Amino acid sequence: MALSRYGNKRDANESHIFKALESIGCSVFRLDVPCDLLCGYRGRTYLLEVKNPDQPKAARKKTKAQDKFFAEWNGQIDIVETAEQAIRIVSE
């Protein structure tokens, strides 16, 4: 897999979500593929795709690669727009 010459663009709300997850004790790592965040909390692993609610709906669509991954993945993966959503997912 080739590395991009330029960093991938991150959603503006991702940093806030990242910090909120860390504040409750999550281990959080930024990913580029297949989603944005890999989180560990209380012995469980979570995949989170961050979408920015301030963007137009068309800009919040998953990529074709993400559509394929979501369809084929047999584990947990969620789309989040807010820190509250992310915390609720890992806390339930």
PDB file of N, CA and C in Angstrom:
ATOM      1  N   MET A   1       0.844  -1.174   0.000  1.00  0.00           N
ATOM      2  CA  MET A   1       0.000   0.000   0.000  1.00  0.00           C
ATOM      3  C   MET A   1       0.889   1.237   0.000  1.00  0.00           C
ATOM      4  N   ALA A   2       0.685   2.106  -0.945  1.00  0.00           N
ATOM      5  CA  ALA A   2       1.482   3.319  -1.071  1.00  0.00           C
ATOM      6  C   ALA A   2       0.999   4.385  -0.097  1.00  0.00           C
ATOM      7  N   LEU A   3       1.930   5.111   0.437  1.00  0.00           N
ATOM      8  CA  LEU A   3       1.577   6.208   1.320  1.00  0.00           C
ATOM      9  C   LEU A   3       1.286   7.442   0.488  1.00  0.00           C
ATOM     10  N   SER A   4       0.269   8.187   0.922  1.00  0.00           N
ATOM     11  CA  SER A   4      -0.086   9.410   0.217  1.00  0.00           C
ATOM     12  C   SER A   4       1.000  10.459   0.441  1.00  0.00           C
ATOM     13  N   ARG A   5       1.277  11.204  -0.590  1.00  0.00           N
ATOM     14  CA  ARG A   5       2.263  12.278  -0.469  1.00  0.00           C
ATOM     15  C   ARG A   5       1.738  13.385   0.429  1.00  0.00           C
ATOM     16  N   TYR A   6       0.445  13.542   0.437  1.00  0.00           N
ATOM     17  CA  TYR A   6      -0.202  14.574   1.244  1.00  0.00           C
ATOM     18  C   TYR A   6      -1.072  13.904   2.284  1.00  0.00           C
ATOM     19  N   GLY A   7      -1.145  14.480   3.485  1.00  0.00           N
ATOM     20  CA  GLY A   7      -1.972  13.907   4.531  1.00  0.00           C
ATOM     21  C   GLY A   7      -3.445  13.962   4.161  1.00  0.00           C
ATOM     22  N   ASN A   8      -4.179  12.958   4.599  1.00  0.00           N
ATOM     23  CA  ASN A   8      -5.615  12.961   4.353  1.00  0.00           C
ATOM     24  C   ASN A   8      -6.277  14.083   5.128  1.00  0.00           C
ATOM     25  N   LYS A   9      -7.298  14.656   4.536  1.00  0.00           N
ATOM     26  CA  LYS A   9      -8.038  15.726   5.189  1.00  0.00           C
ATOM     27  C   LYS A   9      -8.891  15.130   6.306  1.00  0.00           C
ATOM     28  N   ARG A  10      -8.808  15.718   7.479  1.00  0.00           N
ATOM     29  CA  ARG A  10      -9.562  15.242   8.639  1.00  0.00           C
ATOM     30  C   ARG A  10     -10.802  16.112   8.796  1.00  0.00           C
ATOM     31  N   ASP A  11     -11.884  15.519   9.306  1.00  0.00           N
ATOM     32  CA  ASP A  11     -13.086  16.300   9.596  1.00  0.00           C
ATOM     33  C   ASP A  11     -12.793  17.261  10.746  1.00  0.00           C
ATOM     34  N   ALA A  12     -13.380  18.449  10.675  1.00  0.00           N
ATOM     35  CA  ALA A  12     -13.112  19.495  11.668  1.00  0.00           C
ATOM     36  C   ALA A  12     -13.491  19.062  13.083  1.00  0.00           C
ATOM     37  N   ASN A  13     -14.478  18.205  13.225  1.00  0.00           N
ATOM     38  CA  ASN A  13     -14.932  17.770  14.545  1.00  0.00           C
ATOM     39  C   ASN A  13     -14.165  16.565  15.081  1.00  0.00           C
ATOM     40  N   GLU A  14     -13.288  15.989  14.279  1.00  0.00           N
ATOM     41  CA  GLU A  14     -12.585  14.773  14.701  1.00  0.00           C
ATOM     42  C   GLU A  14     -11.714  14.995  15.940  1.00  0.00           C
ATOM     43  N   SER A  15     -11.017  16.098  15.993  1.00  0.00           N
ATOM     44  CA  SER A  15     -10.138  16.376  17.135  1.00  0.00           C
ATOM     45  C   SER A  15     -10.927  16.446  18.445  1.00  0.00           C
ATOM     46  N   HIS A  16     -12.076  17.075  18.402  1.00  0.00           N
ATOM     47  CA  HIS A  16     -12.935  17.187  19.591  1.00  0.00           C
ATOM     48  C   HIS A  16     -13.403  15.791  20.041  1.00  0.00           C
ATOM     49  N   ILE A  17     -13.800  14.964  19.088  1.00  0.00           N
ATOM     50  CA  ILE A  17     -14.238  13.602  19.398  1.00  0.00           C
ATOM     51  C   ILE A  17     -13.081  12.795  19.962  1.00  0.00           C
ATOM     52  N   PHE A  18     -11.910  12.924  19.352  1.00  0.00           N
ATOM     53  CA  PHE A  18     -10.695  12.235  19.806  1.00  0.00           C
ATOM     54  C   PHE A  18     -10.412  12.576  21.269  1.00  0.00           C
ATOM     55  N   LYS A  19     -10.403  13.862  21.585  1.00  0.00           N
ATOM     56  CA  LYS A  19     -10.104  14.312  22.956  1.00  0.00           C
ATOM     57  C   LYS A  19     -11.171  13.858  23.947  1.00  0.00           C
ATOM     58  N   ALA A  20     -12.428  13.880  23.537  1.00  0.00           N
ATOM     59  CA  ALA A  20     -13.508  13.442  24.426  1.00  0.00           C
ATOM     60  C   ALA A  20     -13.380  11.956  24.756  1.00  0.00           C
ATOM     61  N   LEU A  21     -13.043  11.158  23.763  1.00  0.00           N
ATOM     62  CA  LEU A  21     -12.844   9.728  24.008  1.00  0.00           C
ATOM     63  C   LEU A  21     -11.661   9.487  24.940  1.00  0.00           C
ATOM     64  N   GLU A  22     -10.570  10.199  24.710  1.00  0.00           N
ATOM     65  CA  GLU A  22      -9.412  10.076  25.608  1.00  0.00           C
ATOM     66  C   GLU A  22      -9.776  10.474  27.031  1.00  0.00           C
ATOM     67  N   SER A  23     -10.624  11.486  27.177  1.00  0.00           N
ATOM     68  CA  SER A  23     -10.968  11.988  28.518  1.00  0.00           C
ATOM     69  C   SER A  23     -11.730  10.967  29.358  1.00  0.00           C
ATOM     70  N   ILE A  24     -12.379   9.980  28.713  1.00  0.00           N
ATOM     71  CA  ILE A  24     -13.071   8.946  29.495  1.00  0.00           C
ATOM     72  C   ILE A  24     -12.218   7.684  29.639  1.00  0.00           C
ATOM     73  N   GLY A  25     -10.975   7.728  29.130  1.00  0.00           N
ATOM     74  CA  GLY A  25     -10.056   6.609  29.300  1.00  0.00           C
ATOM     75  C   GLY A  25      -9.863   5.727  28.091  1.00  0.00           C
ATOM     76  N   CYS A  26     -10.356   6.135  26.933  1.00  0.00           N
ATOM     77  CA  CYS A  26     -10.151   5.360  25.694  1.00  0.00           C
ATOM     78  C   CYS A  26      -8.721   5.512  25.207  1.00  0.00           C
ATOM     79  N   SER A  27      -8.222   4.449  24.625  1.00  0.00           N
ATOM     80  CA  SER A  27      -7.029   4.541  23.783  1.00  0.00           C
ATOM     81  C   SER A  27      -7.558   4.863  22.399  1.00  0.00           C
ATOM     82  N   VAL A  28      -7.014   5.883  21.761  1.00  0.00           N
ATOM     83  CA  VAL A  28      -7.539   6.311  20.463  1.00  0.00           C
ATOM     84  C   VAL A  28      -6.383   6.499  19.488  1.00  0.00           C
ATOM     85  N   PHE A  29      -6.544   5.919  18.298  1.00  0.00           N
ATOM     86  CA  PHE A  29      -5.554   6.062  17.230  1.00  0.00           C
ATOM     87  C   PHE A  29      -6.261   6.510  15.968  1.00  0.00           C
ATOM     88  N   ARG A  30      -5.639   7.448  15.276  1.00  0.00           N
ATOM     89  CA  ARG A  30      -6.184   7.914  13.993  1.00  0.00           C
ATOM     90  C   ARG A  30      -5.784   6.936  12.891  1.00  0.00           C
ATOM     91  N   LEU A  31      -6.743   6.614  12.061  1.00  0.00           N
ATOM     92  CA  LEU A  31      -6.524   5.763  10.897  1.00  0.00           C
ATOM     93  C   LEU A  31      -6.915   6.546   9.653  1.00  0.00           C
ATOM     94  N   ASP A  32      -6.534   6.057   8.514  1.00  0.00           N
ATOM     95  CA  ASP A  32      -7.005   6.616   7.251  1.00  0.00           C
ATOM     96  C   ASP A  32      -7.913   5.620   6.544  1.00  0.00           C
ATOM     97  N   VAL A  33      -7.610   4.352   6.692  1.00  0.00           N
ATOM     98  CA  VAL A  33      -8.376   3.291   6.054  1.00  0.00           C
ATOM     99  C   VAL A  33      -8.591   2.203   7.085  1.00  0.00           C
ATOM    100  N   PRO A  34      -9.708   1.631   7.261  1.00  0.00           N
ATOM    101  CA  PRO A  34     -10.952   1.809   6.521  1.00  0.00           C
ATOM    102  C   PRO A  34     -11.861   2.879   7.120  1.00  0.00           C
ATOM    103  N   CYS A  35     -11.445   3.429   8.271  1.00  0.00           N
ATOM    104  CA  CYS A  35     -12.258   4.454   8.919  1.00  0.00           C
ATOM    105  C   CYS A  35     -11.317   5.420   9.636  1.00  0.00           C
ATOM    106  N   ASP A  36     -11.880   6.353  10.414  1.00  0.00           N
ATOM    107  CA  ASP A  36     -11.071   7.418  11.006  1.00  0.00           C
ATOM    108  C   ASP A  36     -10.410   7.079  12.338  1.00  0.00           C
ATOM    109  N   LEU A  37     -11.144   6.403  13.230  1.00  0.00           N
ATOM    110  CA  LEU A  37     -10.618   6.191  14.577  1.00  0.00           C
ATOM    111  C   LEU A  37     -10.707   4.734  15.008  1.00  0.00           C
ATOM    112  N   LEU A  38      -9.649   4.263  15.645  1.00  0.00           N
ATOM    113  CA  LEU A  38      -9.596   2.962  16.287  1.00  0.00           C
ATOM    114  C   LEU A  38      -9.551   3.239  17.783  1.00  0.00           C
ATOM    115  N   CYS A  39     -10.526   2.723  18.522  1.00  0.00           N
ATOM    116  CA  CYS A  39     -10.634   3.027  19.950  1.00  0.00           C
ATOM    117  C   CYS A  39     -10.639   1.743  20.762  1.00  0.00           C
ATOM    118  N   GLY A  40      -9.968   1.780  21.892  1.00  0.00           N
ATOM    119  CA  GLY A  40     -10.015   0.680  22.842  1.00  0.00           C
ATOM    120  C   GLY A  40     -10.579   1.198  24.144  1.00  0.00           C
ATOM    121  N   TYR A  41     -11.566   0.484  24.697  1.00  0.00           N
ATOM    122  CA  TYR A  41     -12.187   0.928  25.951  1.00  0.00           C
ATOM    123  C   TYR A  41     -12.711  -0.280  26.706  1.00  0.00           C
ATOM    124  N   ARG A  42     -12.225  -0.433  27.933  1.00  0.00           N
ATOM    125  CA  ARG A  42     -12.657  -1.516  28.809  1.00  0.00           C
ATOM    126  C   ARG A  42     -12.564  -2.881  28.137  1.00  0.00           C
ATOM    127  N   GLY A  43     -11.440  -3.104  27.457  1.00  0.00           N
ATOM    128  CA  GLY A  43     -11.173  -4.400  26.850  1.00  0.00           C
ATOM    129  C   GLY A  43     -11.859  -4.652  25.522  1.00  0.00           C
ATOM    130  N   ARG A  44     -12.522  -3.660  24.971  1.00  0.00           N
ATOM    131  CA  ARG A  44     -13.213  -3.816  23.688  1.00  0.00           C
ATOM    132  C   ARG A  44     -12.617  -2.856  22.665  1.00  0.00           C
ATOM    133  N   THR A  45     -12.749  -3.208  21.393  1.00  0.00           N
ATOM    134  CA  THR A  45     -12.219  -2.401  20.307  1.00  0.00           C
ATOM    135  C   THR A  45     -13.374  -1.866  19.470  1.00  0.00           C
ATOM    136  N   TYR A  46     -13.261  -0.603  19.073  1.00  0.00           N
ATOM    137  CA  TYR A  46     -14.314   0.066  18.305  1.00  0.00           C
ATOM    138  C   TYR A  46     -13.703   0.747  17.085  1.00  0.00           C
ATOM    139  N   LEU A  47     -14.397   0.654  15.962  1.00  0.00           N
ATOM    140  CA  LEU A  47     -14.041   1.398  14.764  1.00  0.00           C
ATOM    141  C   LEU A  47     -15.065   2.501  14.586  1.00  0.00           C
ATOM    142  N   LEU A  48     -14.588   3.732  14.420  1.00  0.00           N
ATOM    143  CA  LEU A  48     -15.483   4.874  14.254  1.00  0.00           C
ATOM    144  C   LEU A  48     -15.123   5.663  13.010  1.00  0.00           C
ATOM    145  N   GLU A  49     -16.121   5.963  12.224  1.00  0.00           N
ATOM    146  CA  GLU A  49     -15.977   6.833  11.063  1.00  0.00           C
ATOM    147  C   GLU A  49     -16.595   8.171  11.452  1.00  0.00           C
ATOM    148  N   VAL A  50     -15.807   9.239  11.385  1.00  0.00           N
ATOM    149  CA  VAL A  50     -16.272  10.568  11.784  1.00  0.00           C
ATOM    150  C   VAL A  50     -16.787  11.313  10.557  1.00  0.00           C
ATOM    151  N   LYS A  51     -17.974  11.852  10.686  1.00  0.00           N
ATOM    152  CA  LYS A  51     -18.551  12.720   9.657  1.00  0.00           C
ATOM    153  C   LYS A  51     -18.896  14.043  10.321  1.00  0.00           C
ATOM    154  N   ASN A  52     -18.717  15.126   9.594  1.00  0.00           N
ATOM    155  CA  ASN A  52     -18.943  16.465  10.137  1.00  0.00           C
ATOM    156  C   ASN A  52     -20.367  16.918   9.822  1.00  0.00           C
ATOM    157  N   PRO A  53     -21.198  17.131  10.856  1.00  0.00           N
ATOM    158  CA  PRO A  53     -22.580  17.543  10.613  1.00  0.00           C
ATOM    159  C   PRO A  53     -22.698  18.937  10.005  1.00  0.00           C
ATOM    160  N   ASP A  54     -21.624  19.715  10.037  1.00  0.00           N
ATOM    161  CA  ASP A  54     -21.642  21.052   9.448  1.00  0.00           C
ATOM    162  C   ASP A  54     -21.444  21.018   7.931  1.00  0.00           C
ATOM    163  N   GLN A  55     -21.044  19.873   7.414  1.00  0.00           N
ATOM    164  CA  GLN A  55     -20.844  19.724   5.973  1.00  0.00           C
ATOM    165  C   GLN A  55     -22.180  19.407   5.297  1.00  0.00           C
ATOM    166  N   PRO A  56     -22.330  19.739   4.033  1.00  0.00           N
ATOM    167  CA  PRO A  56     -23.532  19.339   3.301  1.00  0.00           C
ATOM    168  C   PRO A  56     -23.653  17.816   3.293  1.00  0.00           C
ATOM    169  N   LYS A  57     -24.871  17.330   3.215  1.00  0.00           N
ATOM    170  CA  LYS A  57     -25.102  15.887   3.259  1.00  0.00           C
ATOM    171  C   LYS A  57     -24.270  15.131   2.218  1.00  0.00           C
ATOM    172  N   ALA A  58     -24.136  15.695   1.038  1.00  0.00           N
ATOM    173  CA  ALA A  58     -23.357  15.043  -0.025  1.00  0.00           C
ATOM    174  C   ALA A  58     -21.888  14.875   0.376  1.00  0.00           C
ATOM    175  N   ALA A  59     -21.360  15.799   1.161  1.00  0.00           N
ATOM    176  CA  ALA A  59     -19.963  15.734   1.590  1.00  0.00           C
ATOM    177  C   ALA A  59     -19.760  14.730   2.715  1.00  0.00           C
ATOM    178  N   ARG A  60     -20.839  14.273   3.328  1.00  0.00           N
ATOM    179  CA  ARG A  60     -20.760  13.321   4.443  1.00  0.00           C
ATOM    180  C   ARG A  60     -20.932  11.877   4.002  1.00  0.00           C
ATOM    181  N   LYS A  61     -21.058  11.658   2.700  1.00  0.00           N
ATOM    182  CA  LYS A  61     -21.239  10.297   2.208  1.00  0.00           C
ATOM    183  C   LYS A  61     -19.962   9.496   2.393  1.00  0.00           C
ATOM    184  N   LYS A  62     -20.125   8.183   2.577  1.00  0.00           N
ATOM    185  CA  LYS A  62     -18.967   7.303   2.640  1.00  0.00           C
ATOM    186  C   LYS A  62     -18.365   7.186   1.239  1.00  0.00           C
ATOM    187  N   THR A  63     -17.060   6.923   1.206  1.00  0.00           N
ATOM    188  CA  THR A  63     -16.401   6.666  -0.070  1.00  0.00           C
ATOM    189  C   THR A  63     -16.826   5.288  -0.572  1.00  0.00           C
ATOM    190  N   LYS A  64     -16.535   4.991  -1.818  1.00  0.00           N
ATOM    191  CA  LYS A  64     -16.848   3.664  -2.356  1.00  0.00           C
ATOM    192  C   LYS A  64     -16.125   2.571  -1.575  1.00  0.00           C
ATOM    193  N   ALA A  65     -14.875   2.845  -1.218  1.00  0.00           N
ATOM    194  CA  ALA A  65     -14.109   1.867  -0.435  1.00  0.00           C
ATOM    195  C   ALA A  65     -14.746   1.653   0.936  1.00  0.00           C
ATOM    196  N   GLN A  66     -15.244   2.729   1.557  1.00  0.00           N
ATOM    197  CA  GLN A  66     -15.903   2.598   2.850  1.00  0.00           C
ATOM    198  C   GLN A  66     -17.219   1.834   2.712  1.00  0.00           C
ATOM    199  N   ASP A  67     -17.992   2.112   1.670  1.00  0.00           N
ATOM    200  CA  ASP A  67     -19.226   1.359   1.433  1.00  0.00           C
ATOM    201  C   ASP A  67     -18.931  -0.137   1.360  1.00  0.00           C
ATOM    202  N   LYS A  68     -17.889  -0.488   0.622  1.00  0.00           N
ATOM    203  CA  LYS A  68     -17.503  -1.899   0.478  1.00  0.00           C
ATOM    204  C   LYS A  68     -17.082  -2.476   1.829  1.00  0.00           C
ATOM    205  N   PHE A  69     -16.272  -1.738   2.569  1.00  0.00           N
ATOM    206  CA  PHE A  69     -15.812  -2.225   3.868  1.00  0.00           C
ATOM    207  C   PHE A  69     -16.989  -2.415   4.818  1.00  0.00           C
ATOM    208  N   PHE A  70     -17.870  -1.426   4.904  1.00  0.00           N
ATOM    209  CA  PHE A  70     -19.029  -1.519   5.795  1.00  0.00           C
ATOM    210  C   PHE A  70     -19.884  -2.740   5.445  1.00  0.00           C
ATOM    211  N   ALA A  71     -20.038  -3.017   4.147  1.00  0.00           N
ATOM    212  CA  ALA A  71     -20.864  -4.133   3.708  1.00  0.00           C
ATOM    213  C   ALA A  71     -20.222  -5.487   4.035  1.00  0.00           C
ATOM    214  N   GLU A  72     -18.900  -5.563   3.997  1.00  0.00           N
ATOM    215  CA  GLU A  72     -18.208  -6.838   4.180  1.00  0.00           C
ATOM    216  C   GLU A  72     -17.724  -7.091   5.610  1.00  0.00           C
ATOM    217  N   TRP A  73     -17.624  -6.051   6.415  1.00  0.00           N
ATOM    218  CA  TRP A  73     -17.074  -6.180   7.765  1.00  0.00           C
ATOM    219  C   TRP A  73     -18.077  -6.873   8.678  1.00  0.00           C
ATOM    220  N   ASN A  74     -17.638  -7.917   9.362  1.00  0.00           N
ATOM    221  CA  ASN A  74     -18.505  -8.673  10.268  1.00  0.00           C
ATOM    222  C   ASN A  74     -18.375  -8.230  11.718  1.00  0.00           C
ATOM    223  N   GLY A  75     -17.683  -7.150  11.941  1.00  0.00           N
ATOM    224  CA  GLY A  75     -17.518  -6.629  13.286  1.00  0.00           C
ATOM    225  C   GLY A  75     -18.207  -5.284  13.442  1.00  0.00           C
ATOM    226  N   GLN A  76     -17.946  -4.644  14.551  1.00  0.00           N
ATOM    227  CA  GLN A  76     -18.553  -3.354  14.885  1.00  0.00           C
ATOM    228  C   GLN A  76     -17.886  -2.247  14.093  1.00  0.00           C
ATOM    229  N   ILE A  77     -18.668  -1.324  13.580  1.00  0.00           N
ATOM    230  CA  ILE A  77     -18.179  -0.068  13.011  1.00  0.00           C
ATOM    231  C   ILE A  77     -19.354   0.898  13.017  1.00  0.00           C
ATOM    232  N   ASP A  78     -19.116   2.113  13.458  1.00  0.00           N
ATOM    233  CA  ASP A  78     -20.187   3.104  13.566  1.00  0.00           C
ATOM    234  C   ASP A  78     -19.744   4.429  12.963  1.00  0.00           C
ATOM    235  N   ILE A  79     -20.722   5.183  12.479  1.00  0.00           N
ATOM    236  CA  ILE A  79     -20.499   6.547  12.014  1.00  0.00           C
ATOM    237  C   ILE A  79     -20.927   7.475  13.140  1.00  0.00           C
ATOM    238  N   VAL A  80     -20.054   8.441  13.481  1.00  0.00           N
ATOM    239  CA  VAL A  80     -20.373   9.411  14.537  1.00  0.00           C
ATOM    240  C   VAL A  80     -20.174  10.824  14.016  1.00  0.00           C
ATOM    241  N   GLU A  81     -20.978  11.722  14.553  1.00  0.00           N
ATOM    242  CA  GLU A  81     -20.848  13.139  14.204  1.00  0.00           C
ATOM    243  C   GLU A  81     -20.489  13.985  15.415  1.00  0.00           C
ATOM    244  N   THR A  82     -20.724  13.466  16.618  1.00  0.00           N
ATOM    245  CA  THR A  82     -20.464  14.238  17.833  1.00  0.00           C
ATOM    246  C   THR A  82     -19.702  13.403  18.857  1.00  0.00           C
ATOM    247  N   ALA A  83     -19.083  14.092  19.794  1.00  0.00           N
ATOM    248  CA  ALA A  83     -18.389  13.414  20.884  1.00  0.00           C
ATOM    249  C   ALA A  83     -19.376  12.607  21.720  1.00  0.00           C
ATOM    250  N   GLU A  84     -20.570  13.131  21.911  1.00  0.00           N
ATOM    251  CA  GLU A  84     -21.578  12.440  22.712  1.00  0.00           C
ATOM    252  C   GLU A  84     -21.954  11.103  22.073  1.00  0.00           C
ATOM    253  N   GLN A  85     -22.115  11.089  20.759  1.00  0.00           N
ATOM    254  CA  GLN A  85     -22.410   9.828  20.060  1.00  0.00           C
ATOM    255  C   GLN A  85     -21.278   8.837  20.252  1.00  0.00           C
ATOM    256  N   ALA A  86     -20.049   9.285  20.090  1.00  0.00           N
ATOM    257  CA  ALA A  86     -18.888   8.398  20.211  1.00  0.00           C
ATOM    258  C   ALA A  86     -18.804   7.818  21.624  1.00  0.00           C
ATOM    259  N   ILE A  87     -18.980   8.654  22.639  1.00  0.00           N
ATOM    260  CA  ILE A  87     -18.914   8.181  24.022  1.00  0.00           C
ATOM    261  C   ILE A  87     -20.038   7.195  24.296  1.00  0.00           C
ATOM    262  N   ARG A  88     -21.234   7.453  23.801  1.00  0.00           N
ATOM    263  CA  ARG A  88     -22.363   6.543  24.003  1.00  0.00           C
ATOM    264  C   ARG A  88     -22.059   5.170  23.382  1.00  0.00           C
ATOM    265  N   ILE A  89     -21.461   5.168  22.195  1.00  0.00           N
ATOM    266  CA  ILE A  89     -21.149   3.896  21.531  1.00  0.00           C
ATOM    267  C   ILE A  89     -20.164   3.064  22.342  1.00  0.00           C
ATOM    268  N   VAL A  90     -19.098   3.670  22.820  1.00  0.00           N
ATOM    269  CA  VAL A  90     -18.104   2.888  23.556  1.00  0.00           C
ATOM    270  C   VAL A  90     -18.541   2.571  24.978  1.00  0.00           C
ATOM    271  N   SER A  91     -19.495   3.311  25.504  1.00  0.00           N
ATOM    272  CA  SER A  91     -19.929   3.104  26.891  1.00  0.00           C
ATOM    273  C   SER A  91     -21.059   2.094  27.038  1.00  0.00           C
ATOM    274  N   GLU A  92     -21.754   1.775  25.956  1.00  0.00           N
ATOM    275  CA  GLU A  92     -22.896   0.855  26.063  1.00  0.00           C
ATOM    276  C   GLU A  92     -22.462  -0.582  26.132  1.00  0.00           C
TER     277      GLU A  92
END
